[in-house]
C-alpha atoms as a PDB file:
ATOM      1  CA  MET A   1     155.283 148.966  91.392  1.00  0.00           C
ATOM      2  CA  MET A   2     153.337 145.956  90.247  1.00  0.00           C
ATOM      3  CA  TYR A   3     149.653 145.501  91.051  1.00  0.00           C
ATOM      4  CA  HIS A   4     148.576 142.026  92.125  1.00  0.00           C
ATOM      5  CA  PHE A   5     145.295 140.977  90.551  1.00  0.00           C
ATOM      6  CA  GLY A   6     144.728 137.900  92.673  1.00  0.00           C
ATOM      7  CA  PHE A   7     143.771 134.382  91.681  1.00  0.00           C
ATOM      8  CA  TRP A   8     141.319 135.353  88.923  1.00  0.00           C
ATOM      9  CA  GLY A   9     143.678 137.787  87.182  1.00  0.00           C
ATOM     10  CA  TRP A  10     142.477 141.064  85.714  1.00  0.00           C
ATOM     11  CA  HIS A  11     139.272 139.449  84.377  1.00  0.00           C
ATOM     12  CA  GLY A  12     137.868 138.790  87.798  1.00  0.00           C
ATOM     13  CA  PHE A  13     135.465 135.941  88.460  1.00  0.00           C
ATOM     14  CA  TRP A  14     133.244 136.787  85.470  1.00  0.00           C
ATOM     15  CA  GLY A  15     136.130 136.284  83.065  1.00  0.00           C
ATOM     16  CA  PHE A  16     136.725 132.760  84.280  1.00  0.00           C
ATOM     17  CA  PRO A  17     135.744 130.505  81.342  1.00  0.00           C
ATOM     18  CA  GLY A  18     134.305 127.803  83.599  1.00  0.00           C
ATOM     19  CA  PHE A  19     131.818 130.311  85.021  1.00  0.00           C
ATOM     20  CA  TRP A  20     130.071 130.706  81.668  1.00  0.00           C
ATOM     21  CA  ALA A  21     130.165 126.969  80.965  1.00  0.00           C
ATOM     22  CA  PHE A  22     128.591 126.338  84.372  1.00  0.00           C
ATOM     23  CA  GLY A  23     125.888 128.902  83.570  1.00  0.00           C
ATOM     24  CA  TRP A  24     124.936 127.235  80.304  1.00  0.00           C
ATOM     25  CA  ILE A  25     124.883 123.781  81.896  1.00  0.00           C
ATOM     26  CA  ALA A  26     122.700 125.060  84.749  1.00  0.00           C
ATOM     27  CA  ALA A  27     120.335 126.703  82.236  1.00  0.00           C
ATOM     28  CA  ALA A  28     119.991 123.442  80.288  1.00  0.00           C
ATOM     29  CA  ILE A  29     119.285 121.528  83.498  1.00  0.00           C
ATOM     30  CA  ALA A  30     116.553 124.033  84.428  1.00  0.00           C
ATOM     31  CA  ILE A  31     114.988 124.245  80.966  1.00  0.00           C
ATOM     32  CA  ILE A  32     114.300 120.511  80.607  1.00  0.00           C
ATOM     33  CA  PRO A  33     111.841 120.174  83.536  1.00  0.00           C
ATOM     34  CA  PHE A  34     110.177 123.495  82.749  1.00  0.00           C
ATOM     35  CA  TRP A  35     109.707 122.296  79.151  1.00  0.00           C
ATOM     36  CA  LYS A  36     107.744 119.294  80.499  1.00  0.00           C
ATOM     37  CA  ILE A  37     105.790 121.452  82.977  1.00  0.00           C
ATOM     38  CA  CYS A  38     104.744 123.867  80.216  1.00  0.00           C
ATOM     39  CA  MET A  39     103.490 120.957  78.099  1.00  0.00           C
ATOM     40  CA  ARG A  40     101.386 119.617  81.007  1.00  0.00           C
ATOM     41  CA  VAL A  41      99.980 123.047  81.818  1.00  0.00           C
ATOM     42  CA  GLY A  42      98.949 123.667  78.220  1.00  0.00           C
ATOM     43  CA  LEU A  43     101.468 126.418  77.484  1.00  0.00           C
ATOM     44  CA  SER A  44     103.968 126.394  74.654  1.00  0.00           C
ATOM     45  CA  PRO A  45     107.060 124.508  75.817  1.00  0.00           C
ATOM     46  CA  TRP A  46     109.188 127.098  74.035  1.00  0.00           C
ATOM     47  CA  LEU A  47     108.341 129.472  76.897  1.00  0.00           C
ATOM     48  CA  SER A  48     110.790 127.512  79.043  1.00  0.00           C
ATOM     49  CA  LEU A  49     113.599 129.207  77.104  1.00  0.00           C
ATOM     50  CA  LEU A  50     112.668 132.406  78.948  1.00  0.00           C
ATOM     51  CA  LEU A  51     114.634 131.016  81.895  1.00  0.00           C
ATOM     52  CA  VAL A  52     117.831 132.045  80.112  1.00  0.00           C
ATOM     53  CA  ILE A  53     116.878 135.738  80.443  1.00  0.00           C
ATOM     54  CA  PRO A  54     117.456 136.558  84.137  1.00  0.00           C
ATOM     55  CA  VAL A  55     114.588 138.845  85.192  1.00  0.00           C
ATOM     56  CA  VAL A  56     112.137 137.547  82.580  1.00  0.00           C
ATOM     57  CA  GLY A  57     112.854 133.990  83.724  1.00  0.00           C
ATOM     58  CA  TRP A  58     112.006 134.864  87.338  1.00  0.00           C
ATOM     59  CA  VAL A  59     108.725 136.478  86.265  1.00  0.00           C
ATOM     60  CA  PHE A  60     107.877 133.392  84.189  1.00  0.00           C
ATOM     61  CA  VAL A  61     108.524 131.055  87.139  1.00  0.00           C
ATOM     62  CA  TYR A  62     106.240 133.141  89.375  1.00  0.00           C
ATOM     63  CA  TYR A  63     103.549 133.224  86.684  1.00  0.00           C
ATOM     64  CA  LEU A  64     103.756 129.467  86.320  1.00  0.00           C
ATOM     65  CA  ALA A  65     103.576 128.961  90.082  1.00  0.00           C
ATOM     66  CA  PHE A  66     100.430 131.052  90.589  1.00  0.00           C
ATOM     67  CA  ALA A  67      98.568 130.466  87.292  1.00  0.00           C
ATOM     68  CA  ASP A  68      95.488 128.236  87.118  1.00  0.00           C
ATOM     69  CA  TRP A  69      96.527 124.900  85.699  1.00  0.00           C
ATOM     70  CA  PRO A  70      93.924 123.069  83.597  1.00  0.00           C
ATOM     71  CA  GLY A  71      93.918 119.895  85.729  1.00  0.00           C
ATOM     72  CA  ALA A  72      93.869 121.668  89.088  1.00  0.00           C
ATOM     73  CA  HIS A  73      90.087 122.153  89.243  1.00  0.00           C
ATOM     74  CA  GLY A  74      88.895 118.907  87.701  1.00  0.00           C
ATOM     75  CA  ALA A  75      88.713 120.304  84.162  1.00  0.00           C
ATOM     76  CA  ALA A  76      88.872 117.999  81.172  1.00  0.00           C
ATOM     77  CA  GLY A  77      92.363 116.745  80.636  1.00  0.00           C
ATOM     78  CA  GLY A  78      92.651 114.099  83.322  1.00  0.00           C
ATOM     79  CA  GLY A  79      94.458 116.130  85.954  1.00  0.00           C
ATOM     80  CA  THR A  80      94.134 115.595  89.647  1.00  0.00           C
ATOM     81  CA  SER A  81      91.604 117.585  91.591  1.00  0.00           C
ATOM     82  CA  ALA A  82      92.702 120.143  94.119  1.00  0.00           C
ATOM     83  CA  PRO A  83      91.668 119.561  97.749  1.00  0.00           C
ATOM     84  CA  GLY A  84      88.257 121.055  98.419  1.00  0.00           C
ATOM     85  CA  ASN A  85      87.166 120.654  94.794  1.00  0.00           C
ATOM     86  CA  LEU A  86      86.875 116.880  94.787  1.00  0.00           C
ATOM     87  CA  ALA A  87      84.199 115.374  92.609  1.00  0.00           C
ATOM     88  CA  PRO A  88      81.936 112.729  94.160  1.00  0.00           C
ATOM     89  CA  PRO A  89      83.036 109.157  93.472  1.00  0.00           C
ATOM     90  CA  PRO A  90      81.277 107.281  90.666  1.00  0.00           C
ATOM     91  CA  PRO A  91      78.400 105.004  91.707  1.00  0.00           C
ATOM     92  CA  GLY A  92      79.386 101.469  92.562  1.00  0.00           C
ATOM     93  CA  PRO A  93      78.296  98.345  90.702  1.00  0.00           C
ATOM     94  CA  GLY A  94      74.717  97.269  91.157  1.00  0.00           C
ATOM     95  CA  THR A  95      73.365 100.789  91.575  1.00  0.00           C
ATOM     96  CA  GLY A  96      71.554 103.026  89.196  1.00  0.00           C
ATOM     97  CA  PRO A  97      68.372 102.756  87.126  1.00  0.00           C
ATOM     98  CA  THR A  98      69.192  99.333  85.673  1.00  0.00           C
ATOM     99  CA  ALA A  99      70.016  97.632  89.002  1.00  0.00           C
ATOM    100  CA  PRO A 100      68.352  94.245  89.457  1.00  0.00           C
ATOM    101  CA  GLY A 101      65.358  94.221  91.755  1.00  0.00           C
ATOM    102  CA  ARG A 102      64.294  97.799  91.108  1.00  0.00           C
END
């Protein structure tokens, strides 16, 4: 009696060579934007390589999502301010101690 292994053969889906190629391509596509995000946040961009390690990559993404980013609260670095923490606008022209007529 002969056992039928199906379309994927005895390897199953995980033995399909295209599966691993797809995984590496997907990892490269994910690493590139996280590399840029880490640079903007002030972290080492090499941390984006943690995405290749399954559980560690998930923890890193959650850390990055909930961490305080330097530009989020108007800190030095030129980031945008978060709503509710907006700084007052700079004074307009013709105001201040050296304004004419004062």
